[in-house]
Amino acid sequence: NRKYKIGKLKSLITLKRRKDGRVETLKIEGTANTVTIRGFKNISYVLTGGALRSATFNIRPIFDGKYPDYFIVRGIGTGNGKGLCALGAHGMVKNLGYKHRKVLKHYFPRLKIKKLRL
């Protein structure tokens, strides 16, 4: 309600996700209004005041009566999906025994690695 006057919150609905699972569009239904929010920055601001760590999340309403009492937002990951996560790459090497090529292919699936002749 700080930005959109929706009244009592009735539902949070994911309308669109990217191929990698990140939420692109979120519908917010309230007793007074319904709004559609687009883009990670806007969604993060509305849901968490800008503290949402990843756009890969699920929403579960917890009911106490006719309307949800609160919502559980459960996220996976902390990145923006635009590059390599150093902690994730380190974990793949240390815990899974991945070699550098497999780690790079995970983060950059279309990457082609070549040896350069100097």
Protein backbone atom coordinates (compact mmCIF):
# COMPACT_ATOMS: atom_id res chain seq x y z
CA ASN A 1 0.00 0.00 0.00
CA ARG A 2 2.99 2.35 0.24
CA LYS A 3 3.09 2.65 -3.56
CA TYR A 4 -0.18 1.13 -4.78
CA LYS A 5 -3.39 1.55 -2.82
CA ILE A 6 -4.71 -2.03 -3.02
CA GLY A 7 -6.46 -2.35 0.33
CA LYS A 8 -6.22 -5.69 2.14
CA LEU A 9 -3.98 -8.09 0.24
CA LYS A 10 -5.92 -10.99 -1.28
CA SER A 11 -3.40 -12.68 -3.58
CA LEU A 12 0.04 -12.57 -5.17
CA ILE A 13 0.09 -14.31 -8.54
CA THR A 14 3.11 -14.98 -10.73
CA LEU A 15 2.00 -14.11 -14.26
CA LYS A 16 5.24 -14.62 -16.17
CA ARG A 17 8.61 -16.26 -15.61
CA ARG A 18 11.73 -16.24 -17.72
CA LYS A 19 13.06 -19.53 -19.10
CA ASP A 20 15.43 -19.74 -16.13
CA GLY A 21 12.53 -19.49 -13.65
CA ARG A 22 12.95 -15.88 -12.58
CA VAL A 23 9.70 -13.98 -12.02
CA GLU A 24 9.17 -11.22 -14.60
CA THR A 25 5.59 -10.18 -13.87
CA LEU A 26 3.61 -10.33 -10.63
CA LYS A 27 -0.10 -9.60 -10.14
CA ILE A 28 -1.18 -8.20 -6.79
CA GLU A 29 -4.88 -8.39 -5.94
CA GLY A 30 -6.36 -6.44 -3.08
CA THR A 31 -9.79 -5.54 -1.81
CA ALA A 32 -9.54 -2.04 -3.34
CA ASN A 33 -7.40 -2.52 -6.44
CA THR A 34 -5.39 -4.95 -8.58
CA VAL A 35 -1.98 -4.05 -10.02
CA THR A 36 0.56 -5.77 -12.24
CA ILE A 37 4.23 -5.26 -11.40
CA ARG A 38 6.95 -5.85 -14.00
CA GLY A 39 10.69 -6.19 -13.56
CA PHE A 40 12.85 -7.46 -10.71
CA LYS A 41 13.59 -4.05 -9.22
CA ASN A 42 9.90 -3.14 -8.97
CA ILE A 43 8.87 -6.58 -7.68
CA SER A 44 11.64 -6.48 -5.08
CA TYR A 45 10.58 -3.02 -3.92
CA VAL A 46 6.92 -3.96 -3.57
CA LEU A 47 7.48 -7.32 -1.84
CA THR A 48 10.45 -6.53 0.38
CA GLY A 49 11.28 -2.84 0.19
CA GLY A 50 14.17 -3.67 -2.16
CA ALA A 51 15.70 -6.50 -0.12
CA LEU A 52 14.63 -9.45 -2.33
CA ARG A 53 17.81 -11.34 -3.17
CA SER A 54 16.62 -13.25 -6.23
CA ALA A 55 13.78 -13.23 -8.73
CA THR A 56 13.64 -17.02 -8.51
CA PHE A 57 11.00 -17.57 -5.86
CA ASN A 58 7.62 -19.13 -5.08
CA ILE A 59 4.80 -17.58 -3.08
CA ARG A 60 2.59 -19.46 -0.66
CA PRO A 61 -0.40 -17.82 1.04
CA ILE A 62 -1.16 -18.70 4.67
CA PHE A 63 -4.85 -18.25 5.38
CA ASP A 64 -6.61 -17.23 8.56
CA GLY A 65 -10.15 -16.59 7.42
CA LYS A 66 -11.28 -15.29 4.04
CA TYR A 67 -8.00 -13.58 3.11
CA PRO A 68 -4.40 -14.67 3.60
CA ASP A 69 -2.92 -13.68 6.94
CA TYR A 70 0.53 -13.57 5.37
CA PHE A 71 2.58 -14.93 2.46
CA ILE A 72 5.72 -17.03 2.50
CA VAL A 73 8.14 -15.99 -0.25
CA ARG A 74 10.65 -18.81 -0.70
CA GLY A 75 13.61 -18.02 -2.89
CA ILE A 76 16.34 -20.00 -4.54
CA GLY A 77 19.65 -18.27 -5.17
CA THR A 78 20.90 -14.77 -4.63
CA GLY A 79 22.10 -13.62 -8.01
CA ASN A 80 20.76 -11.53 -10.83
CA GLY A 81 21.26 -14.25 -13.43
CA LYS A 82 23.65 -12.16 -15.47
CA GLY A 83 26.95 -13.79 -14.65
CA LEU A 84 28.96 -16.21 -12.62
CA CYS A 85 28.36 -16.55 -8.90
CA ALA A 86 31.80 -16.88 -7.29
CA LEU A 87 30.44 -18.70 -4.22
CA GLY A 88 28.39 -21.06 -6.38
CA ALA A 89 31.35 -21.81 -8.65
CA HIS A 90 33.56 -22.44 -5.62
CA GLY A 91 30.96 -24.84 -4.18
CA MET A 92 30.73 -26.74 -7.48
CA VAL A 93 34.49 -27.25 -7.51
CA LYS A 94 34.89 -28.03 -3.81
CA ASN A 95 31.75 -30.10 -3.16
CA LEU A 96 31.01 -31.64 -6.54
CA GLY A 97 34.49 -31.94 -7.97
CA TYR A 98 33.60 -29.98 -11.13
CA LYS A 99 36.43 -28.86 -13.39
CA HIS A 100 36.55 -25.27 -14.63
CA ARG A 101 34.99 -26.09 -18.03
CA LYS A 102 31.91 -27.69 -16.44
CA VAL A 103 31.46 -24.75 -14.07
CA LEU A 104 31.68 -22.25 -16.93
CA LYS A 105 29.21 -24.28 -19.03
CA HIS A 106 26.76 -24.24 -16.10
CA TYR A 107 26.80 -20.44 -15.84
CA PHE A 108 27.25 -19.72 -19.54
CA PRO A 109 25.54 -22.57 -21.46
CA ARG A 110 26.30 -21.14 -24.92
CA LEU A 111 29.94 -20.49 -24.13
CA LYS A 112 32.52 -21.92 -26.54
CA ILE A 113 35.97 -22.38 -25.08
CA LYS A 114 38.93 -22.31 -27.45
CA LYS A 115 42.69 -22.32 -27.08
CA LEU A 116 44.28 -19.20 -28.49
CA ARG A 117 47.48 -19.49 -30.49
CA LEU A 118 49.75 -16.58 -29.76
